[in-house]
Amino acid sequence: MQPISAVDAVSPAIERTKRFLFRPFKWSTFLKLGLVAIITEGVGRNFRSSTSHAGQAAGHGPAATSPFHTPGAGWPFHLTPQSVVVIAAAVLLTFVIAIFIFYLVTRLRFAYFNCLIHNTKEIGPGWRLYSEQASRFFWLNIVVGICFMLLLVVVALPFAAGFWRVFHESQQGGHFDVWLFVPLVLPLIPVLILLALAGLLTDLILRDLLMPHFALDNATAGEAWRQVRARIKAEQRQFLVYAILRIILPAVASIGLFIVMLLPGLMLAGSLAAVEWGMHSMIANATGASWLVGIALEVFSA
């Protein structure tokens, strides 16, 4: 196969995507592969905490609205032993669930890769074929993630004393003074930017460069890294161009999709608001069965 540059690969990739998804076009296939692509790219995997609702449920009486807030205090982080146990259990449960979901996503990523390289639209064969490779790649990601977390701890250590001092003073004062944190946060900004770039680069190397060697060559982590490192060293400029395109093109596509969907989204939101207002007006003075039906329709539409 004739090697081509990252820039030259954009047009053939777009053309191949057209053939793969739209010739012939089937809604079921398009939605299935589109959903798999969204999941494997990591969109929508935000694990949000619901501690505020849990805090309200654990309150005793009108003054204790949260286990993290003692009555009469303006600072919200007066932790009780019960709240520490709740937080630790929630963090542990979230961590276990996140690890399990990440494993499933890794398996799905290999299955989707099988679809792309063999021009097939079935997820099952790749899911079964690359089970061992996906498991090894999953554990590699776990090890890399632990190393990255240790790096974050090392970087944060010089700033920890200052944050702890401000935190302790805020607890004693009974209120949160944001201006005390500003001088501590400002020096962290360039450090956080560098860490974010390092994370993006690490993710790119893992998913785009190492994973194909796991799948196609059944390589170990060491073998895959040696091949990738040799390739990067031989074509540093092309790798830099690819990395830039890999970050910029999805961002441009997201902006374009947002612009395209903005007007239909506003129209849909306006239509739903009009329907909701109409239903509310209809049942405002209704009674009996009409009122019950109207309430059911309003709840359903909401």
Protein backbone atom coordinates (compact mmCIF):
# COMPACT_ATOMS: atom_id res chain seq x y z
CA MET A 1 0.00 0.00 0.00
CA GLN A 2 1.31 3.42 -0.98
CA PRO A 3 1.81 5.58 2.15
CA ILE A 4 0.16 9.01 2.03
CA SER A 5 0.38 12.08 4.23
CA ALA A 6 -2.18 13.00 6.87
CA VAL A 7 -3.51 15.88 4.77
CA ASP A 8 -3.82 13.74 1.64
CA ALA A 9 -5.75 11.11 3.61
CA VAL A 10 -8.62 13.46 4.47
CA SER A 11 -10.32 13.39 1.08
CA PRO A 12 -10.12 9.58 0.62
CA ALA A 13 -11.40 9.13 4.18
CA ILE A 14 -14.44 11.29 3.46
CA GLU A 15 -15.12 9.41 0.22
CA ARG A 16 -14.82 6.05 1.94
CA THR A 17 -17.20 7.22 4.66
CA LYS A 18 -19.75 8.13 2.00
CA ARG A 19 -19.52 4.69 0.43
CA PHE A 20 -19.59 2.94 3.78
CA LEU A 21 -22.64 4.74 5.20
CA PHE A 22 -24.66 5.97 2.24
CA ARG A 23 -24.19 3.49 -0.63
CA PRO A 24 -26.69 1.99 -0.06
CA PHE A 25 -28.25 4.04 2.71
CA LYS A 26 -30.23 2.35 5.47
CA TRP A 27 -31.51 4.20 8.48
CA SER A 28 -30.99 1.21 10.77
CA THR A 29 -27.36 0.80 9.74
CA PHE A 30 -26.68 4.53 9.87
CA LEU A 31 -28.16 4.93 13.35
CA LYS A 32 -26.44 1.81 14.68
CA LEU A 33 -22.97 2.73 13.45
CA GLY A 34 -23.49 6.38 14.33
CA LEU A 35 -24.40 5.47 17.90
CA VAL A 36 -21.38 3.17 18.18
CA ALA A 37 -19.11 5.93 16.87
CA ILE A 38 -20.51 8.41 19.38
CA ILE A 39 -20.02 5.98 22.26
CA THR A 40 -16.49 5.00 21.28
CA GLU A 41 -15.47 8.63 20.86
CA GLY A 42 -16.50 9.20 24.46
CA VAL A 43 -19.33 11.67 23.91
CA GLY A 44 -22.03 11.62 26.54
CA ARG A 45 -20.07 9.62 29.15
CA ASN A 46 -20.29 12.24 31.88
CA PHE A 47 -20.93 10.73 35.28
CA ARG A 48 -22.70 13.48 37.18
CA SER A 49 -23.07 13.48 40.88
CA SER A 50 -26.44 13.73 42.57
CA THR A 51 -25.13 14.59 46.03
CA SER A 52 -27.36 17.63 46.31
CA HIS A 53 -30.50 15.45 46.11
CA ALA A 54 -28.97 12.93 48.50
CA GLY A 55 -28.14 15.74 50.89
CA GLN A 56 -31.73 17.00 50.89
CA ALA A 57 -33.03 13.48 51.49
CA ALA A 58 -30.64 13.01 54.43
CA GLY A 59 -31.61 16.29 56.11
CA HIS A 60 -33.41 16.30 59.44
CA GLY A 61 -35.76 19.23 59.84
CA PRO A 62 -35.86 22.53 57.96
CA ALA A 63 -32.45 23.77 59.10
CA ALA A 64 -30.40 20.73 58.07
CA THR A 65 -30.84 20.69 54.30
CA SER A 66 -27.59 18.82 53.63
CA PRO A 67 -25.24 16.50 55.51
CA PHE A 68 -22.39 18.68 54.35
CA HIS A 69 -23.73 21.84 55.96
CA THR A 70 -24.08 22.40 59.67
CA PRO A 71 -26.80 24.74 60.91
CA GLY A 72 -25.81 28.35 61.11
CA ALA A 73 -22.62 28.02 59.07
CA GLY A 74 -22.02 29.80 55.78
CA TRP A 75 -19.29 27.42 54.63
CA PRO A 76 -20.82 24.31 53.02
CA PHE A 77 -18.03 21.80 53.72
CA HIS A 78 -18.31 21.03 57.43
CA LEU A 79 -18.12 17.29 56.86
CA THR A 80 -19.62 14.90 59.38
CA PRO A 81 -18.46 11.27 59.73
CA GLN A 82 -21.71 10.13 58.08
CA SER A 83 -21.14 12.38 55.08
CA VAL A 84 -17.56 11.14 54.71
CA VAL A 85 -18.82 7.54 54.57
CA VAL A 86 -21.50 8.49 52.02
CA ILE A 87 -18.96 10.33 49.85
CA ALA A 88 -16.45 7.46 50.01
CA ALA A 89 -19.10 4.88 49.11
CA ALA A 90 -20.42 7.03 46.24
CA VAL A 91 -16.92 7.60 44.87
CA LEU A 92 -16.09 3.89 45.07
CA LEU A 93 -19.34 2.86 43.38
CA THR A 94 -18.89 5.47 40.65
CA PHE A 95 -15.32 4.30 40.09
CA VAL A 96 -16.36 0.64 39.72
CA ILE A 97 -19.19 1.51 37.34
CA ALA A 98 -16.91 3.77 35.30
CA ILE A 99 -14.26 1.03 34.98
CA PHE A 100 -16.87 -1.49 33.83
CA ILE A 101 -18.34 0.91 31.27
CA PHE A 102 -14.85 1.75 30.02
CA TYR A 103 -14.17 -1.95 29.48
CA LEU A 104 -17.37 -2.29 27.43
CA VAL A 105 -16.46 0.81 25.42
CA THR A 106 -13.00 -0.65 24.74
CA ARG A 107 -14.54 -3.87 23.44
CA LEU A 108 -16.95 -1.84 21.33
CA ARG A 109 -14.09 0.25 19.96
CA PHE A 110 -12.36 -2.88 18.65
CA ALA A 111 -15.64 -4.11 17.16
CA TYR A 112 -16.11 -0.79 15.38
CA PHE A 113 -12.51 -0.91 14.16
CA ASN A 114 -13.28 -4.31 12.67
CA CYS A 115 -16.21 -2.76 10.79
CA LEU A 116 -13.96 -0.09 9.30
CA ILE A 117 -11.08 -2.28 8.16
CA HIS A 118 -13.26 -5.09 6.76
CA ASN A 119 -16.01 -2.85 5.39
CA THR A 120 -18.65 -4.73 7.35
CA LYS A 121 -21.61 -3.28 9.19
CA GLU A 122 -21.97 -6.02 11.82
CA ILE A 123 -20.74 -5.31 15.34
CA GLY A 124 -20.91 -8.86 16.71
CA PRO A 125 -18.03 -10.46 14.75
CA GLY A 126 -15.51 -7.84 15.86
CA TRP A 127 -16.79 -8.01 19.43
CA ARG A 128 -16.00 -11.73 19.55
CA LEU A 129 -12.87 -11.70 17.37
CA TYR A 130 -10.90 -9.12 19.36
CA SER A 131 -11.91 -10.14 22.88
CA GLU A 132 -8.36 -10.95 24.04
CA GLN A 133 -6.76 -7.96 22.32
CA ALA A 134 -9.38 -5.60 23.71
CA SER A 135 -8.80 -6.90 27.24
CA ARG A 136 -5.05 -6.36 26.97
CA PHE A 137 -5.59 -2.89 25.54
CA PHE A 138 -8.05 -2.13 28.36
CA TRP A 139 -5.47 -2.97 31.02
CA LEU A 140 -2.86 -0.90 29.18
CA ASN A 141 -5.23 2.06 29.36
CA ILE A 142 -5.76 1.44 33.09
CA VAL A 143 -1.99 1.43 33.72
CA VAL A 144 -1.51 4.59 31.67
CA GLY A 145 -4.42 6.21 33.49
CA ILE A 146 -2.90 5.37 36.89
CA CYS A 147 0.44 6.80 35.80
CA PHE A 148 -1.29 9.97 34.61
CA MET A 149 -3.10 10.29 37.94
CA LEU A 150 0.21 9.92 39.79
CA LEU A 151 1.61 12.67 37.57
CA LEU A 152 -1.32 14.89 38.52
CA VAL A 153 -0.64 14.22 42.21
CA VAL A 154 3.04 15.09 41.83
CA VAL A 155 2.18 18.29 39.98
CA ALA A 156 -0.46 19.24 42.56
CA LEU A 157 1.75 18.66 45.61
CA PRO A 158 3.48 22.09 45.48
CA PHE A 159 0.05 23.79 45.44
CA ALA A 160 -1.64 21.54 48.00
CA ALA A 161 -0.35 23.36 51.09
CA GLY A 162 -1.70 26.71 49.91
CA PHE A 163 -5.13 25.29 49.05
CA TRP A 164 -5.35 23.46 52.35
CA ARG A 165 -4.45 26.62 54.28
CA VAL A 166 -7.14 28.65 52.49
CA PHE A 167 -9.64 25.83 52.93
CA HIS A 168 -8.91 25.63 56.66
CA GLU A 169 -9.19 29.41 57.07
CA SER A 170 -12.52 29.40 55.21
CA GLN A 171 -13.86 26.72 57.53
CA GLN A 172 -12.82 28.68 60.60
CA GLY A 173 -14.28 31.90 59.20
CA GLY A 174 -17.55 30.23 58.32
CA HIS A 175 -17.69 31.61 54.76
CA PHE A 176 -16.04 31.03 51.41
CA ASP A 177 -13.79 33.85 50.18
CA VAL A 178 -13.18 33.26 46.48
CA TRP A 179 -10.49 35.96 46.30
CA LEU A 180 -8.22 33.88 48.51
CA PHE A 181 -8.23 31.15 45.87
CA VAL A 182 -7.48 33.39 42.88
CA PRO A 183 -3.70 33.77 43.55
CA LEU A 184 -3.49 29.99 43.95
CA VAL A 185 -5.46 29.16 40.80
CA LEU A 186 -3.71 31.53 38.37
CA PRO A 187 -0.31 29.71 38.43
CA LEU A 188 -2.17 26.44 37.83
CA ILE A 189 -3.69 27.57 34.52
CA PRO A 190 -0.59 26.98 32.31
CA VAL A 191 0.08 23.72 34.17
CA LEU A 192 -3.47 22.53 33.52
CA ILE A 193 -3.18 23.48 29.84
CA LEU A 194 0.03 21.44 29.50
CA LEU A 195 -1.56 18.50 31.29
CA ALA A 196 -4.62 18.70 29.02
CA LEU A 197 -2.40 18.66 25.92
CA ALA A 198 -0.43 15.73 27.34
CA GLY A 199 -3.69 13.89 27.97
CA LEU A 200 -4.91 14.52 24.42
CA LEU A 201 -1.60 13.37 22.96
CA THR A 202 -1.58 10.23 25.12
CA ASP A 203 -5.14 9.39 24.12
CA LEU A 204 -4.30 9.92 20.46
CA ILE A 205 -1.29 7.60 20.63
CA LEU A 206 -3.26 4.93 22.47
CA ARG A 207 -6.40 4.91 20.36
CA ASP A 208 -5.14 5.83 16.90
CA LEU A 209 -1.63 4.36 16.82
CA LEU A 210 -1.29 1.58 19.39
CA MET A 211 -4.73 0.02 19.07
CA PRO A 212 -4.37 -1.01 15.39
CA HIS A 213 -1.23 -2.98 16.29
CA PHE A 214 -3.13 -4.74 19.08
CA ALA A 215 -5.94 -5.63 16.66
CA LEU A 216 -4.11 -6.42 13.43
CA ASP A 217 -0.75 -7.75 14.69
CA ASN A 218 -1.94 -9.16 18.03
CA ALA A 219 0.99 -7.24 19.47
CA THR A 220 1.79 -6.76 23.12
CA ALA A 221 2.03 -3.27 24.61
CA GLY A 222 5.82 -3.26 24.28
CA GLU A 223 5.81 -4.48 20.68
CA ALA A 224 3.13 -1.99 19.65
CA TRP A 225 4.94 0.90 21.33
CA ARG A 226 8.26 0.06 19.65
CA GLN A 227 6.61 0.08 16.25
CA VAL A 228 4.73 3.30 16.92
CA ARG A 229 7.80 5.05 18.34
CA ALA A 230 9.85 4.08 15.29
CA ARG A 231 7.11 5.38 12.99
CA ILE A 232 6.81 8.68 14.89
CA LYS A 233 10.59 9.13 14.92
CA ALA A 234 10.80 8.52 11.17
CA GLU A 235 7.88 10.85 10.31
CA GLN A 236 7.74 13.47 13.02
CA ARG A 237 6.29 16.17 10.78
CA GLN A 238 3.50 13.94 9.50
CA PHE A 239 2.66 12.85 13.02
CA LEU A 240 2.42 16.48 14.15
CA VAL A 241 0.13 17.31 11.21
CA TYR A 242 -2.02 14.28 11.97
CA ALA A 243 -2.28 15.23 15.65
CA ILE A 244 -3.36 18.77 14.76
CA LEU A 245 -5.94 17.53 12.24
CA ARG A 246 -7.18 14.92 14.71
CA ILE A 247 -7.98 17.68 17.19
CA ILE A 248 -9.14 20.40 14.81
CA LEU A 249 -11.39 18.43 12.43
CA PRO A 250 -13.75 17.05 15.13
CA ALA A 251 -13.96 20.54 16.65
CA VAL A 252 -14.83 22.08 13.27
CA ALA A 253 -17.38 19.34 12.58
CA SER A 254 -19.01 19.91 16.00
CA ILE A 255 -19.25 23.65 15.38
CA GLY A 256 -20.73 23.05 11.92
CA LEU A 257 -23.27 20.58 13.29
CA PHE A 258 -24.25 23.04 16.02
CA ILE A 259 -24.80 25.81 13.45
CA VAL A 260 -26.82 23.52 11.17
CA MET A 261 -29.00 22.26 14.01
CA LEU A 262 -29.41 25.62 15.75
CA LEU A 263 -32.39 26.88 13.73
CA PRO A 264 -34.29 23.54 13.71
CA GLY A 265 -33.58 23.21 17.42
CA LEU A 266 -34.97 26.66 18.16
CA MET A 267 -38.03 25.94 16.02
CA LEU A 268 -38.60 22.63 17.81
CA ALA A 269 -38.19 24.25 21.22
CA GLY A 270 -40.63 27.01 20.24
CA SER A 271 -43.17 24.48 18.98
CA LEU A 272 -42.94 22.42 22.15
CA ALA A 273 -43.30 25.55 24.27
CA ALA A 274 -46.39 26.57 22.28
CA VAL A 275 -47.93 23.11 22.68
CA GLU A 276 -47.20 23.15 26.40
CA TRP A 277 -48.71 26.60 26.80
CA GLY A 278 -51.79 25.56 24.81
CA MET A 279 -52.33 22.44 26.94
CA HIS A 280 -51.91 24.42 30.13
CA SER A 281 -54.44 26.98 28.93
CA MET A 282 -56.92 24.24 27.98
CA ILE A 283 -56.85 22.55 31.38
CA ALA A 284 -56.67 25.74 33.44
CA ASN A 285 -60.45 25.82 33.96
CA ALA A 286 -61.23 22.17 33.19
CA THR A 287 -62.75 19.77 35.70
CA GLY A 288 -63.34 16.05 36.07
CA ALA A 289 -62.22 13.70 33.32
CA SER A 290 -61.13 16.57 31.05
CA TRP A 291 -58.79 17.82 33.74
CA LEU A 292 -57.27 14.36 34.24
CA VAL A 293 -56.75 13.84 30.50
CA GLY A 294 -55.21 17.29 30.18
CA ILE A 295 -52.85 16.67 33.07
CA ALA A 296 -51.79 13.34 31.55
CA LEU A 297 -51.11 14.98 28.16
CA GLU A 298 -49.18 17.80 29.79
CA VAL A 299 -47.01 15.42 31.79
CA PHE A 300 -46.39 13.29 28.69
CA SER A 301 -45.41 16.30 26.58
CA ALA A 302 -43.07 17.58 29.30
